Protein backbone atom coordinates (compact mmCIF):
# COMPACT_ATOMS: atom_id res chain seq x y z
CA UNK A 1 -4.61 -67.74 141.13
CA UNK A 2 -5.86 -70.62 139.04
CA UNK A 3 -7.15 -73.74 140.71
CA UNK A 4 -5.32 -77.06 140.51
CA UNK A 5 -7.92 -78.37 138.08
CA UNK A 6 -7.53 -75.41 135.75
CA UNK A 7 -3.75 -75.71 135.79
CA UNK A 8 -3.94 -79.42 134.98
CA UNK A 9 -6.34 -78.81 132.12
CA UNK A 10 -4.24 -76.05 130.58
CA UNK A 11 -1.18 -78.26 130.75
CA UNK A 12 -2.87 -80.84 128.54
CA UNK A 13 -3.35 -78.27 125.79
CA UNK A 14 0.37 -77.94 125.16
CA UNK A 15 1.56 -81.53 125.47
CA UNK A 16 1.43 -82.09 121.69
CA UNK A 17 5.09 -81.13 121.32
CA UNK A 18 6.15 -84.32 123.06
CA UNK A 19 3.69 -86.55 121.26
CA UNK A 20 3.46 -88.05 117.83
CA UNK A 21 0.87 -86.15 115.78
CA UNK A 22 -2.05 -88.39 114.94
CA UNK A 23 -5.66 -88.23 113.87
CA UNK A 24 -8.63 -88.71 116.11
CA UNK A 25 -10.40 -90.86 113.54
CA UNK A 26 -8.08 -93.21 111.70
CA UNK A 27 -8.53 -93.27 107.96
CA UNK A 28 -7.30 -95.45 105.15
CA UNK A 29 -3.94 -94.26 103.85
CA UNK A 30 -3.82 -93.68 100.10
CA UNK A 31 -0.59 -92.38 98.60
CA UNK A 32 0.04 -90.97 95.15
CA UNK A 33 2.02 -94.06 94.11
CA UNK A 34 -1.12 -96.19 94.33
CA UNK A 35 -2.89 -94.41 91.50
CA UNK A 36 -2.58 -95.39 87.87
CA UNK A 37 -3.03 -93.21 84.80
CA UNK A 38 -6.63 -92.46 84.03
CA UNK A 39 -7.85 -93.49 87.47
CA UNK A 40 -9.94 -90.90 89.29
CA UNK A 41 -10.33 -90.92 93.06
CA UNK A 42 -12.05 -88.67 95.54
CA UNK A 43 -9.79 -86.51 97.71
CA UNK A 44 -11.66 -87.77 100.74
CA UNK A 45 -10.95 -91.36 101.76
CA UNK A 46 -13.34 -93.66 103.57
CA UNK A 47 -13.15 -94.31 107.30
CA UNK A 48 -11.25 -97.36 108.48
CA UNK A 49 -10.89 -98.91 111.92
CA UNK A 50 -7.82 -98.43 114.07
CA UNK A 51 -6.80 -102.08 113.84
CA UNK A 52 -6.86 -101.98 110.04
CA UNK A 53 -4.74 -98.83 109.94
CA UNK A 54 -1.79 -99.90 112.10
CA UNK A 55 1.30 -101.04 110.25
CA UNK A 56 3.13 -104.17 111.34
CA UNK A 57 6.52 -102.45 111.30
CA UNK A 58 5.41 -99.47 113.38
CA UNK A 59 7.46 -98.94 116.52
CA UNK A 60 5.62 -99.55 119.82
CA UNK A 61 6.57 -96.10 121.10
CA UNK A 62 4.71 -94.49 118.18
CA UNK A 63 1.56 -96.47 119.05
CA UNK A 64 1.89 -95.46 122.70
CA UNK A 65 2.17 -91.77 121.89
CA UNK A 66 -0.70 -91.96 119.42
CA UNK A 67 -2.90 -93.65 122.02
CA UNK A 68 -2.03 -90.97 124.54
CA UNK A 69 -2.95 -88.16 122.15
CA UNK A 70 -6.18 -89.90 121.17
CA UNK A 71 -7.32 -90.18 124.79
CA UNK A 72 -6.96 -86.40 125.14
CA UNK A 73 -9.06 -85.57 122.07
CA UNK A 74 -12.44 -85.61 123.92
CA UNK A 75 -11.00 -83.08 126.37
CA UNK A 76 -9.16 -80.80 123.95
CA UNK A 77 -11.75 -80.53 121.18
CA UNK A 78 -15.42 -79.80 120.82
CA UNK A 79 -15.21 -81.08 117.22
CA UNK A 80 -12.55 -82.81 115.14
CA UNK A 81 -12.98 -84.19 111.61
CA UNK A 82 -10.16 -85.84 109.67
CA UNK A 83 -9.86 -86.64 105.95
CA UNK A 84 -6.88 -88.36 104.40
CA UNK A 85 -6.25 -86.94 100.94
CA UNK A 86 -5.17 -88.85 97.86
CA UNK A 87 -2.93 -85.96 96.81
CA UNK A 88 -1.10 -83.30 98.83
CA UNK A 89 -2.88 -79.99 99.26
CA UNK A 90 -0.91 -76.76 99.60
CA UNK A 91 -3.83 -74.46 100.41
CA UNK A 92 -7.22 -74.51 102.13
CA UNK A 93 -9.79 -71.72 102.55
CA UNK A 94 -13.33 -71.27 103.81
CA UNK A 95 -15.89 -70.15 101.25
CA UNK A 96 -19.43 -68.76 101.52
CA UNK A 97 -22.15 -70.18 103.71
CA UNK A 98 -24.99 -71.44 101.52
CA UNK A 99 -27.34 -72.88 104.14
CA UNK A 100 -28.07 -71.72 107.67
CA UNK A 101 -30.59 -73.46 109.90
CA UNK A 102 -31.25 -74.01 113.58
CA UNK A 103 -29.78 -77.51 113.50
CA UNK A 104 -26.97 -77.17 110.96
CA UNK A 105 -24.99 -74.84 108.69
CA UNK A 106 -23.43 -75.64 105.32
CA UNK A 107 -20.43 -73.82 103.92
CA UNK A 108 -18.10 -74.12 100.95
CA UNK A 109 -14.50 -75.19 101.47
CA UNK A 110 -11.70 -74.70 98.93
CA UNK A 111 -8.56 -76.81 98.70
CA UNK A 112 -6.02 -77.83 96.11
CA UNK A 113 -4.81 -81.16 94.76
CA UNK A 114 -1.16 -81.39 93.74
CA UNK A 115 -0.80 -84.51 91.59
CA UNK A 116 2.14 -86.31 90.00
CA UNK A 117 0.84 -85.85 86.44
CA UNK A 118 -1.10 -89.10 86.15
CA UNK A 119 -4.28 -87.02 86.58
CA UNK A 120 -4.74 -83.24 86.31
CA UNK A 121 -4.15 -80.82 89.14
CA UNK A 122 -7.45 -79.58 90.51
CA UNK A 123 -9.06 -76.84 92.54
CA UNK A 124 -11.54 -78.71 94.74
CA UNK A 125 -14.75 -77.13 96.04
CA UNK A 126 -16.15 -79.09 98.97
CA UNK A 127 -19.26 -78.74 101.10
CA UNK A 128 -18.72 -78.64 104.85
CA UNK A 129 -21.70 -79.41 107.06
CA UNK A 130 -21.69 -78.31 110.69
CA UNK A 131 -24.39 -80.13 112.66
CA UNK A 132 -25.03 -78.31 115.93
CA UNK A 133 -25.18 -80.29 119.13
CA UNK A 134 -28.12 -79.99 121.47
CA UNK A 135 -27.32 -78.11 124.65
CA UNK A 136 -24.20 -76.42 123.21
CA UNK A 137 -24.81 -73.79 120.54
CA UNK A 138 -21.11 -73.35 119.74
CA UNK A 139 -20.15 -77.04 119.53
CA UNK A 140 -20.90 -78.91 116.32
CA UNK A 141 -20.09 -82.08 114.38
CA UNK A 142 -18.23 -81.37 111.15
CA UNK A 143 -18.49 -83.28 107.88
CA UNK A 144 -16.96 -82.49 104.48
CA UNK A 145 -17.60 -83.95 101.04
CA UNK A 146 -16.52 -83.07 97.53
CA UNK A 147 -18.89 -80.83 95.57
CA UNK A 148 -16.98 -79.86 92.42
CA UNK A 149 -13.58 -80.11 90.72
CA UNK A 150 -12.00 -77.45 88.51
CA UNK A 151 -9.13 -78.71 86.37
CA UNK A 152 -6.40 -76.21 87.07
CA UNK A 153 -3.68 -75.25 84.55
CA UNK A 154 -0.72 -76.23 86.73
CA UNK A 155 -0.32 -76.84 90.44
CA UNK A 156 -2.49 -74.84 92.84
CA UNK A 157 -0.02 -73.27 95.25
CA UNK A 158 -2.28 -70.72 96.91
CA UNK A 159 -6.02 -69.96 97.10
CA UNK A 160 -7.57 -66.70 98.26
CA UNK A 161 -11.27 -65.80 98.30
CA UNK A 162 -12.72 -62.35 97.52
CA UNK A 163 -14.21 -60.98 100.78
CA UNK A 164 -16.92 -59.05 98.92
CA UNK A 165 -18.04 -62.26 97.19
CA UNK A 166 -16.34 -65.38 98.51
CA UNK A 167 -17.52 -67.62 95.66
CA UNK A 168 -14.87 -65.79 93.59
CA UNK A 169 -11.33 -67.03 94.28
CA UNK A 170 -7.84 -66.26 93.03
CA UNK A 171 -5.18 -68.94 92.60
CA UNK A 172 -1.41 -68.97 92.20
CA UNK A 173 0.37 -71.58 90.13
CA UNK A 174 3.90 -71.99 88.76
CA UNK A 175 3.52 -69.10 86.32
CA UNK A 176 3.59 -65.28 86.39
CA UNK A 177 -0.22 -65.01 86.18
CA UNK A 178 -2.94 -64.92 88.84
CA UNK A 179 -6.10 -66.81 87.86
CA UNK A 180 -9.60 -65.70 88.92
CA UNK A 181 -12.45 -68.24 89.16
CA UNK A 182 -16.17 -68.02 89.79
CA UNK A 183 -16.48 -71.32 91.63
CA UNK A 184 -20.27 -71.53 91.38
CA UNK A 185 -20.55 -71.09 87.60
CA UNK A 186 -17.46 -73.11 86.67
CA UNK A 187 -18.55 -76.58 85.46
CA UNK A 188 -17.68 -79.69 87.44
CA UNK A 189 -14.82 -81.41 85.61
CA UNK A 190 -13.84 -85.01 86.48
CA UNK A 191 -10.04 -85.11 86.91
CA UNK A 192 -9.21 -87.84 84.39
CA UNK A 193 -5.96 -88.24 82.49
CA UNK A 194 -5.84 -86.13 79.33
CA UNK A 195 -8.77 -83.87 80.27
CA UNK A 196 -8.34 -80.26 79.07
CA UNK A 197 -7.86 -77.47 81.60
CA UNK A 198 -10.79 -75.44 82.86
CA UNK A 199 -10.92 -71.89 81.57
CA UNK A 200 -10.38 -69.18 84.22
CA UNK A 201 -12.83 -66.29 84.27
CA UNK A 202 -10.02 -63.71 84.44
CA UNK A 203 -6.23 -63.76 84.14
CA UNK A 204 -4.22 -61.09 85.96
CA UNK A 205 -0.95 -60.30 84.20
CA UNK A 206 1.97 -58.13 85.29
CA UNK A 207 4.66 -60.33 86.82
CA UNK A 208 7.84 -60.86 84.82
CA UNK A 209 8.69 -64.17 86.50
CA UNK A 210 6.95 -67.00 88.33
CA UNK A 211 4.69 -65.95 91.21
CA UNK A 212 3.99 -68.99 93.38
CA UNK A 213 2.72 -68.12 96.85
CA UNK A 214 2.30 -64.43 97.70
CA UNK A 215 -1.40 -63.66 97.17
CA UNK A 216 -4.03 -61.56 98.95
CA UNK A 217 -7.52 -60.15 98.41
CA UNK A 218 -8.48 -56.76 99.84
CA UNK A 219 -11.17 -56.86 102.58
CA UNK A 220 -12.68 -53.47 101.62
CA UNK A 221 -12.45 -53.30 97.80
CA UNK A 222 -12.14 -55.86 94.96
CA UNK A 223 -8.35 -55.56 94.74
CA UNK A 224 -5.80 -58.36 94.30
CA UNK A 225 -2.19 -58.29 95.48
CA UNK A 226 0.61 -60.65 94.47
CA UNK A 227 4.36 -61.15 94.82
CA UNK A 228 6.82 -63.35 92.99
CA UNK A 229 10.33 -64.29 91.96
CA UNK A 230 10.67 -61.04 89.99
CA UNK A 231 11.04 -59.33 93.43
CA UNK A 232 8.00 -57.17 92.74
CA UNK A 233 4.60 -56.63 94.36
CA UNK A 234 1.78 -56.27 91.83
CA UNK A 235 -1.64 -54.71 92.47
CA UNK A 236 -4.79 -55.22 90.37
CA UNK A 237 -8.34 -53.93 90.52
CA UNK A 238 -11.10 -56.26 89.33
CA UNK A 239 -13.84 -53.75 90.17
CA UNK A 240 -14.78 -53.21 86.51
CA UNK A 241 -14.94 -56.96 85.87
CA UNK A 242 -17.42 -57.88 88.59
CA UNK A 243 -21.13 -57.46 87.91
CA UNK A 244 -23.39 -55.60 90.32
CA UNK A 245 -25.26 -58.82 91.04
CA UNK A 246 -21.94 -60.45 91.82
CA UNK A 247 -21.60 -58.57 95.10
CA UNK A 248 -24.16 -60.99 96.53
CA UNK A 249 -22.68 -64.47 96.85
CA UNK A 250 -26.16 -66.01 96.56
CA UNK A 251 -26.95 -64.35 93.22
CA UNK A 252 -27.43 -66.72 90.26
CA UNK A 253 -25.31 -66.53 87.14
CA UNK A 254 -21.72 -65.50 86.67
CA UNK A 255 -20.33 -62.71 88.85
CA UNK A 256 -17.53 -61.86 86.41
CA UNK A 257 -17.89 -59.91 83.17
CA UNK A 258 -16.03 -61.36 80.20
CA UNK A 259 -14.23 -58.16 79.24
CA UNK A 260 -10.60 -57.49 78.44
CA UNK A 261 -8.01 -59.05 76.16
CA UNK A 262 -8.14 -62.78 75.52
CA UNK A 263 -5.11 -64.77 76.66
CA UNK A 264 -3.82 -67.19 74.05
CA UNK A 265 -2.46 -69.52 76.73
CA UNK A 266 -5.62 -70.29 78.68
CA UNK A 267 -8.41 -68.66 76.69
CA UNK A 268 -9.51 -66.39 79.55
CA UNK A 269 -9.70 -62.60 79.51
CA UNK A 270 -6.59 -60.84 80.84
CA UNK A 271 -6.35 -57.75 83.03
CA UNK A 272 -3.23 -55.61 83.45
CA UNK A 273 -1.95 -54.25 86.78
CA UNK A 274 -2.85 -51.00 88.50
CA UNK A 275 0.65 -50.75 89.94
CA UNK A 276 3.96 -52.62 90.20
CA UNK A 277 6.04 -51.97 93.33
CA UNK A 278 9.78 -52.58 93.66
CA UNK A 279 11.76 -52.69 96.90
CA UNK A 280 12.62 -56.32 97.64
CA UNK A 281 15.97 -57.81 96.71
CA UNK A 282 14.75 -61.41 96.55
CA UNK A 283 11.57 -63.44 96.03
CA UNK A 284 8.42 -62.00 97.60
CA UNK A 285 6.87 -64.83 99.65
CA UNK A 286 3.68 -63.28 101.05
CA UNK A 287 1.56 -60.12 100.97
CA UNK A 288 -1.31 -58.67 103.02
CA UNK A 289 -3.69 -55.70 102.84
CA UNK A 290 -4.35 -53.26 105.66
CA UNK A 291 -7.87 -54.22 106.87
CA UNK A 292 -9.14 -50.62 106.90
CA UNK A 293 -7.32 -49.03 103.94
CA UNK A 294 -7.18 -50.58 100.48
CA UNK A 295 -4.25 -48.34 99.48
CA UNK A 296 -1.97 -49.65 102.23
CA UNK A 297 -0.42 -53.13 102.16
CA UNK A 298 2.70 -55.03 103.21
CA UNK A 299 5.00 -57.74 101.88
CA UNK A 300 7.72 -60.09 103.11
CA UNK A 301 10.37 -62.03 101.24
CA UNK A 302 13.52 -64.10 101.11
CA UNK A 303 15.57 -60.95 101.69
CA UNK A 304 14.38 -61.01 105.35
CA UNK A 305 12.59 -57.69 104.80
CA UNK A 306 9.15 -56.52 105.90
CA UNK A 307 7.98 -53.67 103.65
CA UNK A 308 4.95 -51.40 104.06
CA UNK A 309 3.54 -49.76 100.93
CA UNK A 310 1.16 -46.83 100.41
CA UNK A 311 -0.20 -46.63 96.86
CA UNK A 312 -1.16 -42.97 97.42
CA UNK A 313 2.47 -41.89 97.81
CA UNK A 314 4.03 -43.73 94.87
CA UNK A 315 5.76 -46.98 94.00
CA UNK A 316 8.55 -46.83 96.59
CA UNK A 317 8.34 -48.44 100.05
CA UNK A 318 6.65 -46.33 102.71
CA UNK A 319 8.53 -48.20 105.47
CA UNK A 320 11.08 -50.98 105.30
CA UNK A 321 12.39 -53.22 108.07
CA UNK A 322 15.68 -54.51 106.68
CA UNK A 323 16.18 -57.42 109.09
CA UNK A 324 12.74 -58.39 110.30
CA UNK A 325 13.92 -61.99 110.96
CA UNK A 326 17.18 -63.90 110.97
CA UNK A 327 16.22 -65.89 107.85
CA UNK A 328 13.77 -65.89 104.93
CA UNK A 329 10.27 -64.62 105.71
CA UNK A 330 7.51 -66.99 104.60
CA UNK A 331 4.26 -65.39 105.73
CA UNK A 332 2.60 -62.20 106.96
CA UNK A 333 -0.84 -61.19 108.25
CA UNK A 334 -2.38 -57.88 109.29
CA UNK A 335 -4.50 -57.77 112.45
CA UNK A 336 -8.16 -57.18 111.45
CA UNK A 337 -8.94 -55.76 114.93
CA UNK A 338 -5.88 -53.51 115.36
CA UNK A 339 -4.44 -51.92 112.21
CA UNK A 340 -1.10 -51.29 113.92
CA UNK A 341 -0.14 -54.93 114.48
CA UNK A 342 1.49 -57.07 111.77
CA UNK A 343 2.36 -60.74 112.21
CA UNK A 344 5.27 -62.48 110.45
CA UNK A 345 6.63 -66.04 110.28
CA UNK A 346 10.07 -67.15 109.14
CA UNK A 347 12.50 -69.94 108.39
CA UNK A 348 14.21 -69.01 111.68
CA UNK A 349 11.35 -70.92 113.42
CA UNK A 350 9.92 -67.81 115.09
CA UNK A 351 6.77 -65.70 114.86
CA UNK A 352 7.11 -61.96 115.43
CA UNK A 353 4.66 -59.13 116.02
CA UNK A 354 5.48 -55.67 114.68
CA UNK A 355 3.79 -52.39 115.58
CA UNK A 356 3.95 -50.04 112.62
CA UNK A 357 3.89 -47.07 115.00
CA UNK A 358 7.38 -48.08 116.16
CA UNK A 359 8.76 -48.25 112.62
CA UNK A 360 10.50 -45.32 110.98
CA UNK A 361 11.05 -44.33 107.36
CA UNK A 362 14.79 -45.04 107.54
CA UNK A 363 14.16 -48.75 108.01
CA UNK A 364 14.74 -48.93 111.76
CA UNK A 365 12.25 -51.17 113.52
CA UNK A 366 12.08 -54.16 115.83
CA UNK A 367 9.29 -56.55 116.85
CA UNK A 368 7.39 -55.80 120.02
CA UNK A 369 7.55 -59.52 120.79
CA UNK A 370 9.09 -62.72 119.42
CA UNK A 371 7.21 -66.00 119.86
CA UNK A 372 9.35 -69.14 120.03
CA UNK A 373 7.56 -72.48 120.06
CA UNK A 374 8.24 -74.16 116.73
CA UNK A 375 11.19 -76.42 115.95
CA UNK A 376 11.13 -75.87 112.18
CA UNK A 377 10.34 -73.18 109.62
CA UNK A 378 7.03 -71.34 110.08
CA UNK A 379 4.89 -71.60 106.93
CA UNK A 380 1.64 -69.80 107.77
CA UNK A 381 0.41 -67.22 110.30
CA UNK A 382 -3.06 -65.74 110.77
CA UNK A 383 -4.82 -63.58 113.33
CA UNK A 384 -8.02 -64.96 114.84
CA UNK A 385 -11.30 -63.31 113.82
CA UNK A 386 -12.73 -64.13 117.27
CA UNK A 387 -10.27 -62.32 119.57
CA UNK A 388 -7.89 -59.48 118.72
CA UNK A 389 -4.92 -60.85 120.69
CA UNK A 390 -5.11 -64.44 119.41
CA UNK A 391 -3.32 -65.83 116.35
CA UNK A 392 -2.21 -69.15 114.91
CA UNK A 393 1.03 -70.37 113.35
CA UNK A 394 1.81 -73.58 111.48
CA UNK A 395 5.20 -74.99 110.63
CA UNK A 396 7.25 -77.79 109.13
CA UNK A 397 7.39 -79.45 112.57
CA UNK A 398 3.78 -80.65 112.04
CA UNK A 399 2.32 -78.40 114.75
CA UNK A 400 -0.29 -75.68 114.60
CA UNK A 401 0.19 -73.40 117.61
CA UNK A 402 -2.46 -71.03 118.95
CA UNK A 403 -1.08 -68.00 120.80
CA UNK A 404 -2.60 -65.21 122.88
CA UNK A 405 -0.61 -61.99 122.96
CA UNK A 406 -2.42 -60.86 126.12
CA UNK A 407 -1.04 -63.85 128.04
CA UNK A 408 2.58 -62.82 127.53
CA UNK A 409 4.11 -61.84 130.85
CA UNK A 410 1.31 -63.29 132.95
CA UNK A 411 2.17 -65.86 135.60
CA UNK A 412 1.52 -69.42 134.47
CA UNK A 413 1.20 -72.58 136.54
CA UNK A 414 2.14 -74.81 133.61
CA UNK A 415 5.86 -74.43 134.15
CA UNK A 416 8.64 -72.40 132.57
CA UNK A 417 9.07 -74.80 129.63
CA UNK A 418 5.85 -73.60 128.00
CA UNK A 419 6.62 -70.82 125.47
CA UNK A 420 5.22 -67.44 126.46
CA UNK A 421 1.80 -66.80 124.98
CA UNK A 422 1.19 -70.39 123.80
CA UNK A 423 -2.13 -71.73 125.07
CA UNK A 424 -3.07 -74.48 122.60
CA UNK A 425 -1.15 -76.83 120.32
CA UNK A 426 -2.88 -78.86 117.62
CA UNK A 427 -0.83 -82.02 117.03
CA UNK A 428 -3.17 -83.89 114.72
CA UNK A 429 -0.95 -83.78 111.62
CA UNK A 430 1.90 -86.20 110.90
CA UNK A 431 3.87 -83.88 108.63
CA UNK A 432 4.40 -80.18 107.86
CA UNK A 433 1.25 -78.07 108.18
CA UNK A 434 1.38 -76.01 104.99
CA UNK A 435 -1.79 -73.95 105.43
CA UNK A 436 -4.71 -73.25 107.76
CA UNK A 437 -7.64 -70.84 107.89
CA UNK A 438 -9.85 -69.55 110.71
CA UNK A 439 -13.58 -69.69 110.01
CA UNK A 440 -15.23 -66.28 110.42
CA UNK A 441 -18.73 -67.81 110.48
CA UNK A 442 -18.14 -70.66 112.97
CA UNK A 443 -16.40 -69.37 116.14
CA UNK A 444 -13.00 -70.86 116.95
CA UNK A 445 -13.16 -73.31 114.03
CA UNK A 446 -10.07 -73.98 111.90
CA UNK A 447 -9.35 -75.96 108.75
CA UNK A 448 -5.75 -77.13 108.28
CA UNK A 449 -3.86 -79.22 105.73
CA UNK A 450 -0.54 -81.05 105.83
CA UNK A 451 1.69 -82.35 103.06
CA UNK A 452 2.51 -85.95 104.02
CA UNK A 453 4.97 -86.74 101.22
CA UNK A 454 7.98 -86.94 103.54
CA UNK A 455 6.32 -89.06 106.23
CA UNK A 456 4.19 -91.39 104.10
CA UNK A 457 5.53 -90.87 100.55
CA UNK A 458 2.35 -89.26 99.30
CA UNK A 459 -1.01 -87.76 100.08
CA UNK A 460 -2.03 -85.22 102.66
CA UNK A 461 -4.32 -84.67 105.61
CA UNK A 462 -7.24 -82.28 105.89
CA UNK A 463 -8.56 -81.58 109.38
CA UNK A 464 -11.47 -79.40 110.49
CA UNK A 465 -11.44 -78.78 114.21
CA UNK A 466 -12.76 -76.66 117.02
CA UNK A 467 -10.89 -76.51 120.32
CA UNK A 468 -12.86 -76.96 123.53
CA UNK A 469 -14.57 -73.78 124.64
CA UNK A 470 -13.15 -74.42 128.12
CA UNK A 471 -9.78 -73.33 126.75
CA UNK A 472 -10.68 -69.85 125.53
CA UNK A 473 -13.71 -68.85 127.63
CA UNK A 474 -13.34 -66.45 130.62
CA UNK A 475 -11.50 -68.05 133.52
CA UNK A 476 -14.34 -67.69 136.03
CA UNK A 477 -16.77 -69.53 133.75
CA UNK A 478 -14.24 -72.28 133.09
CA UNK A 479 -13.43 -72.84 136.78
CA UNK A 480 -17.11 -73.09 137.63
CA UNK A 481 -17.75 -75.65 134.93
CA UNK A 482 -14.60 -77.65 135.64
CA UNK A 483 -15.63 -78.14 139.24
CA UNK A 484 -18.61 -80.13 137.96
CA UNK A 485 -16.42 -82.85 136.49
CA UNK A 486 -13.10 -82.35 138.26
CA UNK A 487 -12.55 -86.01 138.96
CA UNK A 488 -13.14 -86.95 135.32
CA UNK A 489 -10.59 -84.42 134.01
CA UNK A 490 -7.92 -85.52 136.48
CA UNK A 491 -8.46 -89.17 135.58
CA UNK A 492 -8.05 -88.54 131.83
CA UNK A 493 -4.99 -86.32 132.30
CA UNK A 494 -3.25 -88.89 134.50
CA UNK A 495 -3.46 -91.72 131.95
CA UNK A 496 -0.11 -92.55 130.25
């Protein structure tokens, strides 16, 4: 049985649903309509005080809810960094770590800029610095700054890094092709009006129609997987196009060989597919590799289907769940700790977990559990690298929920209104959270981005955050530590 203090603390981690999402550090708002042609601005705005940020026409209730959320930030987070973006970003990913020291670590961060045409669309490479705090090895202060811009041919809808060499990334745009970039050797290009596009290192061809979002890199081999509006799943191997030195992310020089046919459209070398797989009846929205087998992968789409593929057995689906959700499927992820568990998110506002051992070849299958905690379409799901039963989900309701499958069915003192399995809710975004990514090198650290066009008519928000270790540590350790400052926790939680 949890103590009263523990129950009170856990209750504060899920109050974001009733509060207005806000940022811990208030930044200057800069929308896309404030930029003129030829003007170049950094994606990271400068800090501004709370009094300068507030709008005169803002309703008092919004200020009250924001103030309430802000008072809880010191309790809920070990670290929280906020950056208001000039342009919306549809994707964010962690890159390689390039400096590791006793006092701080530095790591690359990838994100996109989706402009209105007054300046080019860009793939942004940033440097994230994690300064460790004395007395707490896991807690750190996070800072991000722009390192390089790559002028992208079209909007950057999705970014995925190559696990074998994370300085190599793949991007999806509004075209049938997948573009491959060596982010370290690509030159820094200022995003000014009229500037020519950067040249991708490789172009993967094979789709017959636009492929916007479904993109994955294999964790065990240099393979790329994509899906698109042509209802197909396309597989490529870039093994022959990566140099031996390129397997080390710290190696100098380009990691990609310039071999293959030259594309007339972008000037890069093109690579054809290893296989094209048909089985969906509508747009393929997301794809994922099996963590332990490069020949096995899955896909989801607007036909509400979850399909498992095995490249060793041919081009037809190995297993197909005809009605995995009650609406379009937007996202899928394969558990890196347990190869049997697959996570899906949908426009029906739910997240579901499937066990492939319970699926059959005739398409019969049902989720082992359905998680209900969002009030709008789920846009992104991902398993945690830190614990096998934990995963995150972000949605158009502006919330990023953290769930623990092991907590389902266990007695909770937080009340019956808390969705089963939900143990943390990040409410720092003001609009739909379009993407997030767990950091495999910094425990329990997440980067997330929101598209703020609907709420503020432009721009976006990038947040890098680490929930308090009191939330996920073993219960006995937490109770012992909470007793040391019980009165302080109760005082903060009782404030309106």
